[in-house]
Amino acid sequence: MDGSQNLINFELRKKLPFISITAVHSGIEFKIDNVLVDTGSAATLFALDYVRQFGLNSEPEDKIRKIVGVGGNEYVIEKRIDALIIDGVWIEDSIIQIGDMDYGFEMNGIIGGDLLMRTKMIIDYERCVILLKHV
C-alpha cells in the first residue's frame, strides 16, 4: 500500500450506498454499474446474468461455494480475476463470487467485507463519499 487515498462518490438508493467499478479478467476490462457497498456481506459478489455478457463464466479452476445470508442458502462460483478497479485504484489478484443475486431489488454486484477490509474503506454517509486507500 502506498498510503495515498481516493474519495469516491456514491449514490444513496433506499438508504444504501451504490458505486460503479471495473473488473479485469483475462486482460479484458468491463464496467459494472449498480454495485452495492455492503458492510453486512462477507464477500464480493456479482450477478451471473450481468457478468456473463463479458465472458465471465465458470472455468475448471473455479470453486463452487455455499453461502448463507439473511435470505437463506445459495451456491456461487468463486473465481480469481486479474483485478477490480475502483475509481482508478487497482485491487489486483481479486477473488470474487458469481451467483444469481435474486434479492428483491436491482443490483449487479455487492462489494463485501473482504474488499472493504483489503482497501480499508471508510464510508461517510453525511458527504456520500467513500475513503479508499491505495493497495
C-alpha atoms as a PDB file:
ATOM      1  CA  MET A   1       0.000   0.000   0.000  1.00  0.00           C
ATOM      2  CA  ASP A   2       1.426   3.337  -0.963  1.00  0.00           C
ATOM      3  CA  GLY A   3      -0.508   5.339   1.656  1.00  0.00           C
ATOM      4  CA  SER A   4      -2.397   7.596  -0.756  1.00  0.00           C
ATOM      5  CA  GLN A   5      -6.178   7.847  -0.695  1.00  0.00           C
ATOM      6  CA  ASN A   6      -9.117   8.457  -3.003  1.00  0.00           C
ATOM      7  CA  LEU A   7     -12.535   9.895  -2.244  1.00  0.00           C
ATOM      8  CA  ILE A   8     -15.228   8.119  -4.217  1.00  0.00           C
ATOM      9  CA  ASN A   9     -18.742   9.496  -4.523  1.00  0.00           C
ATOM     10  CA  PHE A  10     -21.589   7.072  -4.036  1.00  0.00           C
ATOM     11  CA  GLU A  11     -25.296   7.265  -4.718  1.00  0.00           C
ATOM     12  CA  LEU A  12     -27.745   6.512  -1.923  1.00  0.00           C
ATOM     13  CA  ARG A  13     -30.695   4.365  -3.002  1.00  0.00           C
ATOM     14  CA  LYS A  14     -33.137   3.198  -0.348  1.00  0.00           C
ATOM     15  CA  LYS A  15     -30.501   4.406   2.165  1.00  0.00           C
ATOM     16  CA  LEU A  16     -27.885   2.045   0.664  1.00  0.00           C
ATOM     17  CA  PRO A  17     -24.586   3.138  -0.983  1.00  0.00           C
ATOM     18  CA  PHE A  18     -24.066   2.192  -4.662  1.00  0.00           C
ATOM     19  CA  ILE A  19     -20.952   2.683  -6.827  1.00  0.00           C
ATOM     20  CA  SER A  20     -19.608   1.595 -10.223  1.00  0.00           C
ATOM     21  CA  ILE A  21     -16.453  -0.477 -10.546  1.00  0.00           C
ATOM     22  CA  THR A  22     -14.394  -2.077 -13.296  1.00  0.00           C
ATOM     23  CA  ALA A  23     -13.376  -5.731 -13.349  1.00  0.00           C
ATOM     24  CA  VAL A  24     -10.420  -7.137 -15.283  1.00  0.00           C
ATOM     25  CA  HIS A  25     -10.342 -10.804 -16.278  1.00  0.00           C
ATOM     26  CA  SER A  26      -8.027 -12.393 -18.850  1.00  0.00           C
ATOM     27  CA  GLY A  27      -6.856  -8.900 -19.767  1.00  0.00           C
ATOM     28  CA  ILE A  28     -10.373  -7.651 -20.626  1.00  0.00           C
ATOM     29  CA  GLU A  29     -11.811  -4.688 -18.680  1.00  0.00           C
ATOM     30  CA  PHE A  30     -15.547  -4.264 -18.168  1.00  0.00           C
ATOM     31  CA  LYS A  31     -17.565  -1.788 -16.137  1.00  0.00           C
ATOM     32  CA  ILE A  32     -20.101  -2.961 -13.574  1.00  0.00           C
ATOM     33  CA  ASP A  33     -22.658  -0.343 -12.544  1.00  0.00           C
ATOM     34  CA  ASN A  34     -25.169  -0.584  -9.745  1.00  0.00           C
ATOM     35  CA  VAL A  35     -22.872  -2.227  -7.160  1.00  0.00           C
ATOM     36  CA  LEU A  36     -23.917  -2.124  -3.501  1.00  0.00           C
ATOM     37  CA  VAL A  37     -21.249  -1.406  -0.872  1.00  0.00           C
ATOM     38  CA  ASP A  38     -22.410  -3.818   1.836  1.00  0.00           C
ATOM     39  CA  THR A  39     -20.797  -3.951   5.279  1.00  0.00           C
ATOM     40  CA  GLY A  40     -23.055  -6.908   6.104  1.00  0.00           C
ATOM     41  CA  SER A  41     -21.737  -9.126   3.321  1.00  0.00           C
ATOM     42  CA  ALA A  42     -18.564 -11.121   3.925  1.00  0.00           C
ATOM     43  CA  ALA A  43     -17.608 -11.489   0.252  1.00  0.00           C
ATOM     44  CA  THR A  44     -17.702  -9.574  -3.023  1.00  0.00           C
ATOM     45  CA  LEU A  45     -20.355 -10.997  -5.339  1.00  0.00           C
ATOM     46  CA  PHE A  46     -21.525 -10.220  -8.877  1.00  0.00           C
ATOM     47  CA  ALA A  47     -24.705 -11.174 -10.732  1.00  0.00           C
ATOM     48  CA  LEU A  48     -24.118 -14.072 -13.126  1.00  0.00           C
ATOM     49  CA  ASP A  49     -26.633 -12.741 -15.667  1.00  0.00           C
ATOM     50  CA  TYR A  50     -24.789  -9.400 -15.803  1.00  0.00           C
ATOM     51  CA  VAL A  51     -21.139 -10.539 -15.938  1.00  0.00           C
ATOM     52  CA  ARG A  52     -21.820 -13.400 -18.363  1.00  0.00           C
ATOM     53  CA  GLN A  53     -22.149 -10.817 -21.174  1.00  0.00           C
ATOM     54  CA  PHE A  54     -18.440 -10.034 -20.697  1.00  0.00           C
ATOM     55  CA  GLY A  55     -17.405 -13.686 -20.927  1.00  0.00           C
ATOM     56  CA  LEU A  56     -17.057 -14.184 -17.185  1.00  0.00           C
ATOM     57  CA  ASN A  57     -18.207 -17.780 -16.775  1.00  0.00           C
ATOM     58  CA  SER A  58     -17.294 -20.828 -14.752  1.00  0.00           C
ATOM     59  CA  GLU A  59     -13.909 -22.371 -15.538  1.00  0.00           C
ATOM     60  CA  PRO A  60     -12.345 -25.651 -14.315  1.00  0.00           C
ATOM     61  CA  GLU A  61     -10.146 -23.913 -11.716  1.00  0.00           C
ATOM     62  CA  ASP A  62     -13.138 -22.129 -10.122  1.00  0.00           C
ATOM     63  CA  LYS A  63     -14.723 -23.406  -6.921  1.00  0.00           C
ATOM     64  CA  ILE A  64     -18.383 -23.820  -6.016  1.00  0.00           C
ATOM     65  CA  ARG A  65     -19.211 -22.384  -2.594  1.00  0.00           C
ATOM     66  CA  LYS A  66     -22.330 -22.441  -0.464  1.00  0.00           C
ATOM     67  CA  ILE A  67     -23.039 -19.065   1.098  1.00  0.00           C
ATOM     68  CA  VAL A  68     -25.534 -18.282   3.828  1.00  0.00           C
ATOM     69  CA  GLY A  69     -27.337 -14.980   4.159  1.00  0.00           C
ATOM     70  CA  VAL A  70     -30.469 -13.411   5.520  1.00  0.00           C
ATOM     71  CA  GLY A  71     -32.414 -14.802   2.539  1.00  0.00           C
ATOM     72  CA  GLY A  72     -31.154 -18.358   3.049  1.00  0.00           C
ATOM     73  CA  ASN A  73     -28.545 -20.517   1.326  1.00  0.00           C
ATOM     74  CA  GLU A  74     -27.227 -20.129  -2.201  1.00  0.00           C
ATOM     75  CA  TYR A  75     -24.467 -21.631  -4.315  1.00  0.00           C
ATOM     76  CA  VAL A  76     -21.950 -19.363  -6.045  1.00  0.00           C
ATOM     77  CA  ILE A  77     -18.901 -19.670  -8.270  1.00  0.00           C
ATOM     78  CA  GLU A  78     -15.717 -18.454  -6.606  1.00  0.00           C
ATOM     79  CA  LYS A  79     -13.240 -17.071  -9.136  1.00  0.00           C
ATOM     80  CA  ARG A  80      -9.861 -15.346  -9.104  1.00  0.00           C
ATOM     81  CA  ILE A  81      -9.678 -12.414 -11.527  1.00  0.00           C
ATOM     82  CA  ASP A  82      -6.847 -10.096 -12.589  1.00  0.00           C
ATOM     83  CA  ALA A  83      -8.150  -7.045 -10.734  1.00  0.00           C
ATOM     84  CA  LEU A  84     -11.003  -4.871  -9.592  1.00  0.00           C
ATOM     85  CA  ILE A  85     -10.651  -1.145 -10.248  1.00  0.00           C
ATOM     86  CA  ILE A  86     -12.466   1.380  -8.073  1.00  0.00           C
ATOM     87  CA  ASP A  87     -12.086   4.982  -9.191  1.00  0.00           C
ATOM     88  CA  GLY A  88      -8.656   4.303 -10.696  1.00  0.00           C
ATOM     89  CA  VAL A  89      -7.413   2.248  -7.723  1.00  0.00           C
ATOM     90  CA  TRP A  90      -6.347  -1.251  -8.806  1.00  0.00           C
ATOM     91  CA  ILE A  91      -7.011  -4.150  -6.433  1.00  0.00           C
ATOM     92  CA  GLU A  92      -5.024  -6.888  -8.139  1.00  0.00           C
ATOM     93  CA  ASP A  93      -5.460 -10.641  -7.838  1.00  0.00           C
ATOM     94  CA  SER A  94      -9.032 -10.363  -6.557  1.00  0.00           C
ATOM     95  CA  ILE A  95     -11.262 -13.240  -5.551  1.00  0.00           C
ATOM     96  CA  ILE A  96     -14.927 -12.720  -6.392  1.00  0.00           C
ATOM     97  CA  GLN A  97     -18.094 -14.755  -6.244  1.00  0.00           C
ATOM     98  CA  ILE A  98     -20.656 -15.012  -9.020  1.00  0.00           C
ATOM     99  CA  GLY A  99     -24.256 -16.007  -8.366  1.00  0.00           C
ATOM    100  CA  ASP A 100     -27.941 -15.435  -9.105  1.00  0.00           C
ATOM    101  CA  MET A 101     -28.358 -12.429  -6.770  1.00  0.00           C
ATOM    102  CA  ASP A 102     -32.156 -12.582  -6.673  1.00  0.00           C
ATOM    103  CA  TYR A 103     -32.578 -10.358  -3.613  1.00  0.00           C
ATOM    104  CA  GLY A 104     -35.729  -8.431  -4.466  1.00  0.00           C
ATOM    105  CA  PHE A 105     -34.181  -5.270  -5.902  1.00  0.00           C
ATOM    106  CA  GLU A 106     -31.999  -4.309  -8.848  1.00  0.00           C
ATOM    107  CA  MET A 107     -28.220  -4.556  -8.444  1.00  0.00           C
ATOM    108  CA  ASN A 108     -25.338  -6.068 -10.398  1.00  0.00           C
ATOM    109  CA  GLY A 109     -22.982  -6.725  -7.535  1.00  0.00           C
ATOM    110  CA  ILE A 110     -22.007  -6.370  -3.903  1.00  0.00           C
ATOM    111  CA  ILE A 111     -18.709  -5.112  -2.533  1.00  0.00           C
ATOM    112  CA  GLY A 112     -18.335  -7.151   0.647  1.00  0.00           C
ATOM    113  CA  GLY A 113     -16.203  -7.157   3.752  1.00  0.00           C
ATOM    114  CA  ASP A 114     -13.311  -8.896   2.001  1.00  0.00           C
ATOM    115  CA  LEU A 115     -12.728  -5.908  -0.286  1.00  0.00           C
ATOM    116  CA  LEU A 116     -13.783  -3.324   2.318  1.00  0.00           C
ATOM    117  CA  MET A 117     -11.052  -4.564   4.655  1.00  0.00           C
ATOM    118  CA  ARG A 118      -8.450  -5.023   1.931  1.00  0.00           C
ATOM    119  CA  THR A 119      -8.849  -1.400   0.785  1.00  0.00           C
ATOM    120  CA  LYS A 120      -9.548  -0.019   4.274  1.00  0.00           C
ATOM    121  CA  MET A 121     -12.729   1.682   3.026  1.00  0.00           C
ATOM    122  CA  ILE A 122     -14.410   4.246   5.225  1.00  0.00           C
ATOM    123  CA  ILE A 123     -17.998   5.131   4.319  1.00  0.00           C
ATOM    124  CA  ASP A 124     -19.056   8.724   5.021  1.00  0.00           C
ATOM    125  CA  TYR A 125     -22.845   8.830   4.735  1.00  0.00           C
ATOM    126  CA  GLU A 126     -23.061  12.541   5.522  1.00  0.00           C
ATOM    127  CA  ARG A 127     -20.999  13.519   2.456  1.00  0.00           C
ATOM    128  CA  CYS A 128     -21.900  10.427   0.373  1.00  0.00           C
ATOM    129  CA  VAL A 129     -18.248   9.526  -0.177  1.00  0.00           C
ATOM    130  CA  ILE A 130     -16.034   6.545   0.467  1.00  0.00           C
ATOM    131  CA  LEU A 131     -12.425   6.964   1.529  1.00  0.00           C
ATOM    132  CA  LEU A 132     -10.400   4.330  -0.292  1.00  0.00           C
ATOM    133  CA  LYS A 133      -6.725   3.696   0.404  1.00  0.00           C
ATOM    134  CA  HIS A 134      -4.464   2.578  -2.428  1.00  0.00           C
ATOM    135  CA  VAL A 135      -3.435  -1.046  -2.156  1.00  0.00           C
END
